[in-house]
């Protein structure tokens, strides 16, 4: 059974959502029969490609969110992550930027057989160490961490070899009904928007395993997502 998860690397709900998915798979009775594939859903194309901005500045300038509101929203995500074993998990005191090249790096790493390890490494660097993951040099350091050939990685990124693939992955997510990230597709039949909790995902894995039915969308249930331009949207009642 294949489970696909579309994500944006700077979306805090995506890092948490991916963690919850893997925890659910670990608890699933047929875990050894499940293949988890991470896919790209870039949301930060509006950011400049040659520089980063602080999360505080981005929230204020792009969404009019600042002060106590920004503090409360992002600290809530950090606390949730910590309660689920992700610590440190740095959101507010981080930088955001254009992630197109980052997703192309992830596509290259996936082609080299390192899909999950590459996504884990990027999330760990970005949220765990508040390390930039946007520039070519940033990504080459991650290539070294993953034992990818540095020269081949540089060539793939400079030549924009995976640009069309990244765009195709995002396009497929939208065709499936995704309007934000994360978005999960279980067994090609059940679409799940937002950072659902592990118990919900475990139940869905069991349902997909036991039943065969036409494509169906699972209600969002107020699960939070990141919207275009990387805004961490609050859960809706």
C-alpha atoms as a PDB file:
ATOM      1  CA  UNK A   1       0.000   0.000   0.000  1.00  0.00           C
ATOM      2  CA  UNK A   2       1.347   3.408  -0.960  1.00  0.00           C
ATOM      3  CA  UNK A   3       0.856   6.548   1.118  1.00  0.00           C
ATOM      4  CA  UNK A   4       1.845   9.859  -0.474  1.00  0.00           C
ATOM      5  CA  UNK A   5       2.307  13.101   1.436  1.00  0.00           C
ATOM      6  CA  UNK A   6       2.634  16.474  -0.286  1.00  0.00           C
ATOM      7  CA  UNK A   7       4.422  19.151   1.723  1.00  0.00           C
ATOM      8  CA  UNK A   8       6.173  22.510   1.756  1.00  0.00           C
ATOM      9  CA  UNK A   9       9.501  22.428   3.551  1.00  0.00           C
ATOM     10  CA  UNK A  10       8.945  25.704   5.444  1.00  0.00           C
ATOM     11  CA  UNK A  11       5.397  24.809   6.521  1.00  0.00           C
ATOM     12  CA  UNK A  12       5.449  23.943  10.240  1.00  0.00           C
ATOM     13  CA  UNK A  13       2.298  21.862   9.928  1.00  0.00           C
ATOM     14  CA  UNK A  14       4.012  19.801   7.212  1.00  0.00           C
ATOM     15  CA  UNK A  15       6.948  18.871   9.398  1.00  0.00           C
ATOM     16  CA  UNK A  16       4.570  17.894  12.179  1.00  0.00           C
ATOM     17  CA  UNK A  17       2.175  16.164   9.781  1.00  0.00           C
ATOM     18  CA  UNK A  18       4.938  14.044   8.287  1.00  0.00           C
ATOM     19  CA  UNK A  19       6.084  13.039  11.768  1.00  0.00           C
ATOM     20  CA  UNK A  20       2.543  12.026  12.700  1.00  0.00           C
ATOM     21  CA  UNK A  21       2.162   9.995   9.516  1.00  0.00           C
ATOM     22  CA  UNK A  22       5.331   8.016  10.152  1.00  0.00           C
ATOM     23  CA  UNK A  23       4.243   7.372  13.737  1.00  0.00           C
ATOM     24  CA  UNK A  24       0.921   6.041  12.463  1.00  0.00           C
ATOM     25  CA  UNK A  25       2.665   3.757   9.966  1.00  0.00           C
ATOM     26  CA  UNK A  26       4.964   2.425  12.702  1.00  0.00           C
ATOM     27  CA  UNK A  27       1.877   1.421  14.718  1.00  0.00           C
ATOM     28  CA  UNK A  28       0.054  -0.086  11.733  1.00  0.00           C
ATOM     29  CA  UNK A  29      -0.241  -3.876  11.790  1.00  0.00           C
ATOM     30  CA  UNK A  30       0.962  -4.146   8.181  1.00  0.00           C
ATOM     31  CA  UNK A  31       3.664  -1.480   8.388  1.00  0.00           C
ATOM     32  CA  UNK A  32       6.105  -3.571   6.386  1.00  0.00           C
ATOM     33  CA  UNK A  33       3.678  -3.440   3.436  1.00  0.00           C
ATOM     34  CA  UNK A  34       3.369   0.356   3.430  1.00  0.00           C
ATOM     35  CA  UNK A  35       5.481   2.605   1.222  1.00  0.00           C
ATOM     36  CA  UNK A  36       5.500   6.288   2.241  1.00  0.00           C
ATOM     37  CA  UNK A  37       6.458   8.699  -0.544  1.00  0.00           C
ATOM     38  CA  UNK A  38       7.084  12.393   0.106  1.00  0.00           C
ATOM     39  CA  UNK A  39       6.131  14.791  -2.682  1.00  0.00           C
ATOM     40  CA  UNK A  40       6.538  18.506  -3.297  1.00  0.00           C
ATOM     41  CA  UNK A  41       3.872  21.171  -2.921  1.00  0.00           C
ATOM     42  CA  UNK A  42       5.761  24.506  -3.029  1.00  0.00           C
ATOM     43  CA  UNK A  43       3.800  27.401  -1.553  1.00  0.00           C
ATOM     44  CA  UNK A  44       6.471  30.069  -1.244  1.00  0.00           C
ATOM     45  CA  UNK A  45       7.018  31.020  -4.872  1.00  0.00           C
ATOM     46  CA  UNK A  46       6.284  34.650  -4.040  1.00  0.00           C
ATOM     47  CA  UNK A  47       9.462  35.009  -2.015  1.00  0.00           C
ATOM     48  CA  UNK A  48      12.600  36.327  -3.743  1.00  0.00           C
ATOM     49  CA  UNK A  49      15.076  33.685  -4.862  1.00  0.00           C
ATOM     50  CA  UNK A  50      18.175  35.536  -3.664  1.00  0.00           C
ATOM     51  CA  UNK A  51      17.406  36.283  -0.021  1.00  0.00           C
ATOM     52  CA  UNK A  52      15.445  35.167   3.019  1.00  0.00           C
ATOM     53  CA  UNK A  53      13.261  37.075   5.453  1.00  0.00           C
ATOM     54  CA  UNK A  54      12.389  36.399   9.062  1.00  0.00           C
ATOM     55  CA  UNK A  55       9.150  34.622   9.855  1.00  0.00           C
ATOM     56  CA  UNK A  56       8.044  37.612  11.935  1.00  0.00           C
ATOM     57  CA  UNK A  57       8.607  39.974   8.997  1.00  0.00           C
ATOM     58  CA  UNK A  58       6.873  37.635   6.542  1.00  0.00           C
ATOM     59  CA  UNK A  59       3.812  37.253   8.751  1.00  0.00           C
ATOM     60  CA  UNK A  60       3.574  40.994   9.229  1.00  0.00           C
ATOM     61  CA  UNK A  61       4.188  42.103   5.636  1.00  0.00           C
ATOM     62  CA  UNK A  62       2.279  39.389   3.783  1.00  0.00           C
ATOM     63  CA  UNK A  63      -0.545  38.583   6.169  1.00  0.00           C
ATOM     64  CA  UNK A  64      -0.808  41.483   8.584  1.00  0.00           C
ATOM     65  CA  UNK A  65      -0.087  39.229  11.551  1.00  0.00           C
ATOM     66  CA  UNK A  66       2.272  40.456  14.219  1.00  0.00           C
ATOM     67  CA  UNK A  67       2.946  40.875  17.887  1.00  0.00           C
ATOM     68  CA  UNK A  68       1.048  38.659  20.297  1.00  0.00           C
ATOM     69  CA  UNK A  69      -0.981  36.997  17.532  1.00  0.00           C
ATOM     70  CA  UNK A  70       2.112  35.778  15.684  1.00  0.00           C
ATOM     71  CA  UNK A  71       3.742  34.737  18.941  1.00  0.00           C
ATOM     72  CA  UNK A  72       0.735  32.722  20.086  1.00  0.00           C
ATOM     73  CA  UNK A  73       0.121  30.968  16.753  1.00  0.00           C
ATOM     74  CA  UNK A  74       3.695  29.872  16.179  1.00  0.00           C
ATOM     75  CA  UNK A  75       4.499  28.992  19.776  1.00  0.00           C
ATOM     76  CA  UNK A  76       1.420  26.753  19.786  1.00  0.00           C
ATOM     77  CA  UNK A  77       2.859  24.768  16.888  1.00  0.00           C
ATOM     78  CA  UNK A  78       6.234  24.536  18.630  1.00  0.00           C
ATOM     79  CA  UNK A  79       4.584  23.224  21.793  1.00  0.00           C
ATOM     80  CA  UNK A  80       2.583  20.647  19.848  1.00  0.00           C
ATOM     81  CA  UNK A  81       5.738  19.444  18.117  1.00  0.00           C
ATOM     82  CA  UNK A  82       7.607  19.182  21.417  1.00  0.00           C
ATOM     83  CA  UNK A  83       4.768  17.162  22.945  1.00  0.00           C
ATOM     84  CA  UNK A  84       5.121  14.671  20.092  1.00  0.00           C
ATOM     85  CA  UNK A  85       8.878  14.251  20.320  1.00  0.00           C
ATOM     86  CA  UNK A  86      10.066  16.989  17.957  1.00  0.00           C
ATOM     87  CA  UNK A  87      12.295  19.255  20.010  1.00  0.00           C
ATOM     88  CA  UNK A  88      13.671  21.723  19.292  1.00  0.00           C
ATOM     89  CA  UNK A  89      11.161  22.786  16.641  1.00  0.00           C
ATOM     90  CA  UNK A  90      11.837  26.392  15.655  1.00  0.00           C
ATOM     91  CA  UNK A  91       9.118  28.284  13.851  1.00  0.00           C
ATOM     92  CA  UNK A  92       8.924  31.943  14.812  1.00  0.00           C
ATOM     93  CA  UNK A  93      12.681  32.449  15.154  1.00  0.00           C
ATOM     94  CA  UNK A  94      13.386  31.167  11.655  1.00  0.00           C
ATOM     95  CA  UNK A  95      13.787  32.430   8.101  1.00  0.00           C
ATOM     96  CA  UNK A  96      11.583  31.840   5.065  1.00  0.00           C
ATOM     97  CA  UNK A  97      12.435  32.093   1.400  1.00  0.00           C
ATOM     98  CA  UNK A  98      11.806  30.741  -2.069  1.00  0.00           C
ATOM     99  CA  UNK A  99      11.788  26.938  -1.866  1.00  0.00           C
ATOM    100  CA  UNK A 100      11.789  26.049  -5.560  1.00  0.00           C
ATOM    101  CA  UNK A 101      15.431  24.957  -5.523  1.00  0.00           C
ATOM    102  CA  UNK A 102      14.906  23.096  -2.256  1.00  0.00           C
ATOM    103  CA  UNK A 103      12.174  20.998  -3.824  1.00  0.00           C
ATOM    104  CA  UNK A 104      14.361  20.315  -6.839  1.00  0.00           C
ATOM    105  CA  UNK A 105      17.049  19.094  -4.446  1.00  0.00           C
ATOM    106  CA  UNK A 106      14.506  16.777  -2.815  1.00  0.00           C
ATOM    107  CA  UNK A 107      13.473  15.445  -6.226  1.00  0.00           C
ATOM    108  CA  UNK A 108      17.132  14.759  -7.060  1.00  0.00           C
ATOM    109  CA  UNK A 109      17.697  13.008  -3.735  1.00  0.00           C
ATOM    110  CA  UNK A 110      14.544  10.944  -4.290  1.00  0.00           C
ATOM    111  CA  UNK A 111      15.819   9.881  -7.707  1.00  0.00           C
ATOM    112  CA  UNK A 112      18.941   8.670  -5.918  1.00  0.00           C
ATOM    113  CA  UNK A 113      16.869   6.518  -3.560  1.00  0.00           C
ATOM    114  CA  UNK A 114      16.769   8.895  -0.602  1.00  0.00           C
ATOM    115  CA  UNK A 115      13.204  10.160  -0.569  1.00  0.00           C
ATOM    116  CA  UNK A 116      12.408   9.924   3.130  1.00  0.00           C
ATOM    117  CA  UNK A 117      15.950  10.536   4.381  1.00  0.00           C
ATOM    118  CA  UNK A 118      16.201  13.717   2.291  1.00  0.00           C
ATOM    119  CA  UNK A 119      12.885  15.106   3.540  1.00  0.00           C
ATOM    120  CA  UNK A 120      13.840  14.196   7.102  1.00  0.00           C
ATOM    121  CA  UNK A 121      17.207  15.931   6.676  1.00  0.00           C
ATOM    122  CA  UNK A 122      15.635  19.126   5.316  1.00  0.00           C
ATOM    123  CA  UNK A 123      13.002  19.295   8.071  1.00  0.00           C
ATOM    124  CA  UNK A 124      15.640  18.527  10.706  1.00  0.00           C
ATOM    125  CA  UNK A 125      17.941  21.251   9.402  1.00  0.00           C
ATOM    126  CA  UNK A 126      15.202  23.836   8.991  1.00  0.00           C
ATOM    127  CA  UNK A 127      13.023  23.317  12.060  1.00  0.00           C
ATOM    128  CA  UNK A 128      15.507  21.540  14.305  1.00  0.00           C
ATOM    129  CA  UNK A 129      18.501  23.819  13.764  1.00  0.00           C
ATOM    130  CA  UNK A 130      16.882  26.895  12.152  1.00  0.00           C
ATOM    131  CA  UNK A 131      19.400  26.354   9.339  1.00  0.00           C
ATOM    132  CA  UNK A 132      18.702  27.869   5.897  1.00  0.00           C
ATOM    133  CA  UNK A 133      17.851  25.328   3.198  1.00  0.00           C
ATOM    134  CA  UNK A 134      17.375  27.647   0.214  1.00  0.00           C
ATOM    135  CA  UNK A 135      20.720  28.489  -1.415  1.00  0.00           C
ATOM    136  CA  UNK A 136      22.833  26.172  -3.513  1.00  0.00           C
ATOM    137  CA  UNK A 137      25.547  25.958  -0.855  1.00  0.00           C
ATOM    138  CA  UNK A 138      22.948  25.098   1.818  1.00  0.00           C
ATOM    139  CA  UNK A 139      21.702  22.213  -0.285  1.00  0.00           C
ATOM    140  CA  UNK A 140      25.169  20.945  -1.136  1.00  0.00           C
ATOM    141  CA  UNK A 141      25.859  20.660   2.587  1.00  0.00           C
ATOM    142  CA  UNK A 142      22.744  18.528   2.907  1.00  0.00           C
ATOM    143  CA  UNK A 143      23.927  16.455  -0.062  1.00  0.00           C
ATOM    144  CA  UNK A 144      27.105  15.698   1.884  1.00  0.00           C
ATOM    145  CA  UNK A 145      25.003  14.703   4.905  1.00  0.00           C
ATOM    146  CA  UNK A 146      23.049  12.280   2.720  1.00  0.00           C
ATOM    147  CA  UNK A 147      26.162  10.922   0.972  1.00  0.00           C
ATOM    148  CA  UNK A 148      24.981  12.233  -2.373  1.00  0.00           C
ATOM    149  CA  UNK A 149      27.590  12.986  -4.991  1.00  0.00           C
ATOM    150  CA  UNK A 150      28.234  16.725  -4.594  1.00  0.00           C
ATOM    151  CA  UNK A 151      29.197  17.346  -8.232  1.00  0.00           C
ATOM    152  CA  UNK A 152      26.150  15.523  -9.569  1.00  0.00           C
ATOM    153  CA  UNK A 153      23.890  17.337  -7.127  1.00  0.00           C
ATOM    154  CA  UNK A 154      25.309  20.706  -8.161  1.00  0.00           C
ATOM    155  CA  UNK A 155      24.833  19.853 -11.825  1.00  0.00           C
ATOM    156  CA  UNK A 156      21.213  18.815 -11.263  1.00  0.00           C
ATOM    157  CA  UNK A 157      20.403  21.991  -9.329  1.00  0.00           C
ATOM    158  CA  UNK A 158      22.222  24.448 -11.582  1.00  0.00           C
ATOM    159  CA  UNK A 159      20.666  22.847 -14.652  1.00  0.00           C
ATOM    160  CA  UNK A 160      17.186  22.868 -13.038  1.00  0.00           C
ATOM    161  CA  UNK A 161      16.846  19.230 -14.022  1.00  0.00           C
ATOM    162  CA  UNK A 162      13.878  18.559 -11.741  1.00  0.00           C
ATOM    163  CA  UNK A 163      11.924  21.781 -12.167  1.00  0.00           C
ATOM    164  CA  UNK A 164       9.224  20.195 -14.320  1.00  0.00           C
ATOM    165  CA  UNK A 165       8.894  17.224 -11.980  1.00  0.00           C
ATOM    166  CA  UNK A 166       8.335  19.474  -8.972  1.00  0.00           C
ATOM    167  CA  UNK A 167       5.696  21.433 -10.861  1.00  0.00           C
ATOM    168  CA  UNK A 168       3.997  18.211 -11.932  1.00  0.00           C
ATOM    169  CA  UNK A 169       3.836  16.971  -8.342  1.00  0.00           C
ATOM    170  CA  UNK A 170       2.232  20.222  -7.196  1.00  0.00           C
ATOM    171  CA  UNK A 171      -0.207  20.117 -10.099  1.00  0.00           C
ATOM    172  CA  UNK A 172      -1.272  16.581  -9.191  1.00  0.00           C
ATOM    173  CA  UNK A 173      -1.904  17.629  -5.584  1.00  0.00           C
ATOM    174  CA  UNK A 174      -4.210  20.400  -6.770  1.00  0.00           C
ATOM    175  CA  UNK A 175      -5.996  17.994  -9.109  1.00  0.00           C
ATOM    176  CA  UNK A 176      -6.632  15.755  -6.120  1.00  0.00           C
ATOM    177  CA  UNK A 177      -8.255  18.671  -4.317  1.00  0.00           C
ATOM    178  CA  UNK A 178      -5.389  19.960  -2.199  1.00  0.00           C
ATOM    179  CA  UNK A 179      -5.603  23.671  -1.424  1.00  0.00           C
ATOM    180  CA  UNK A 180      -2.835  23.717   1.175  1.00  0.00           C
ATOM    181  CA  UNK A 181      -0.211  21.526   2.767  1.00  0.00           C
ATOM    182  CA  UNK A 182       0.193  18.917   4.048  1.00  0.00           C
ATOM    183  CA  UNK A 183      -2.020  16.712   1.929  1.00  0.00           C
ATOM    184  CA  UNK A 184      -1.991  12.919   2.218  1.00  0.00           C
ATOM    185  CA  UNK A 185      -3.255  10.326  -0.254  1.00  0.00           C
ATOM    186  CA  UNK A 186      -3.712   6.798   1.068  1.00  0.00           C
ATOM    187  CA  UNK A 187      -3.712   3.915  -1.389  1.00  0.00           C
ATOM    188  CA  UNK A 188      -4.597   6.280  -4.232  1.00  0.00           C
ATOM    189  CA  UNK A 189      -8.169   6.505  -2.894  1.00  0.00           C
ATOM    190  CA  UNK A 190      -8.425   8.530   0.300  1.00  0.00           C
ATOM    191  CA  UNK A 191      -7.372  12.156   0.359  1.00  0.00           C
ATOM    192  CA  UNK A 192      -6.602  13.740   3.722  1.00  0.00           C
ATOM    193  CA  UNK A 193      -5.962  17.488   4.074  1.00  0.00           C
ATOM    194  CA  UNK A 194      -4.063  18.952   7.010  1.00  0.00           C
ATOM    195  CA  UNK A 195      -1.869  17.701   9.830  1.00  0.00           C
ATOM    196  CA  UNK A 196      -4.190  14.985  11.118  1.00  0.00           C
ATOM    197  CA  UNK A 197      -3.241  13.301  14.385  1.00  0.00           C
ATOM    198  CA  UNK A 198      -1.605   9.873  14.337  1.00  0.00           C
ATOM    199  CA  UNK A 199      -4.706   8.086  15.668  1.00  0.00           C
ATOM    200  CA  UNK A 200      -6.834   9.397  12.783  1.00  0.00           C
ATOM    201  CA  UNK A 201      -4.202   8.396  10.256  1.00  0.00           C
ATOM    202  CA  UNK A 202      -3.849   4.958  11.780  1.00  0.00           C
ATOM    203  CA  UNK A 203      -7.594   4.445  11.462  1.00  0.00           C
ATOM    204  CA  UNK A 204      -7.462   5.497   7.826  1.00  0.00           C
ATOM    205  CA  UNK A 205      -4.614   3.077   7.096  1.00  0.00           C
ATOM    206  CA  UNK A 206      -6.712   0.280   8.542  1.00  0.00           C
ATOM    207  CA  UNK A 207      -9.771   1.334   6.537  1.00  0.00           C
ATOM    208  CA  UNK A 208      -7.800   1.525   3.302  1.00  0.00           C
ATOM    209  CA  UNK A 209      -6.279  -1.861   3.984  1.00  0.00           C
ATOM    210  CA  UNK A 210      -9.619  -3.536   4.688  1.00  0.00           C
ATOM    211  CA  UNK A 211     -11.813  -1.899   2.096  1.00  0.00           C
ATOM    212  CA  UNK A 212     -11.789  -1.238  -1.607  1.00  0.00           C
ATOM    213  CA  UNK A 213     -13.959   1.634  -2.765  1.00  0.00           C
ATOM    214  CA  UNK A 214     -13.897   4.576  -5.247  1.00  0.00           C
ATOM    215  CA  UNK A 215     -11.879   7.659  -4.428  1.00  0.00           C
ATOM    216  CA  UNK A 216     -13.280   9.468  -1.414  1.00  0.00           C
ATOM    217  CA  UNK A 217     -12.233  12.607   0.399  1.00  0.00           C
ATOM    218  CA  UNK A 218     -11.945  12.346   4.163  1.00  0.00           C
ATOM    219  CA  UNK A 219     -13.389  15.401   5.988  1.00  0.00           C
ATOM    220  CA  UNK A 220     -10.691  17.809   7.125  1.00  0.00           C
ATOM    221  CA  UNK A 221     -12.036  17.909  10.656  1.00  0.00           C
ATOM    222  CA  UNK A 222     -10.434  21.278  11.311  1.00  0.00           C
ATOM    223  CA  UNK A 223      -6.907  19.985  10.806  1.00  0.00           C
ATOM    224  CA  UNK A 224      -4.473  22.849  10.162  1.00  0.00           C
ATOM    225  CA  UNK A 225      -2.703  23.438   6.856  1.00  0.00           C
ATOM    226  CA  UNK A 226      -0.235  25.880   5.380  1.00  0.00           C
ATOM    227  CA  UNK A 227      -1.690  28.097   2.687  1.00  0.00           C
ATOM    228  CA  UNK A 228       0.021  29.643  -0.379  1.00  0.00           C
ATOM    229  CA  UNK A 229       2.963  31.920   0.495  1.00  0.00           C
ATOM    230  CA  UNK A 230       3.741  29.688   3.434  1.00  0.00           C
ATOM    231  CA  UNK A 231       1.279  31.073   5.990  1.00  0.00           C
ATOM    232  CA  UNK A 232       0.568  28.665   8.833  1.00  0.00           C
ATOM    233  CA  UNK A 233      -3.223  28.785   8.886  1.00  0.00           C
ATOM    234  CA  UNK A 234      -5.011  28.187  12.190  1.00  0.00           C
ATOM    235  CA  UNK A 235      -7.372  25.276  12.510  1.00  0.00           C
ATOM    236  CA  UNK A 236     -10.920  26.120  11.501  1.00  0.00           C
ATOM    237  CA  UNK A 237     -13.895  25.139  13.651  1.00  0.00           C
END
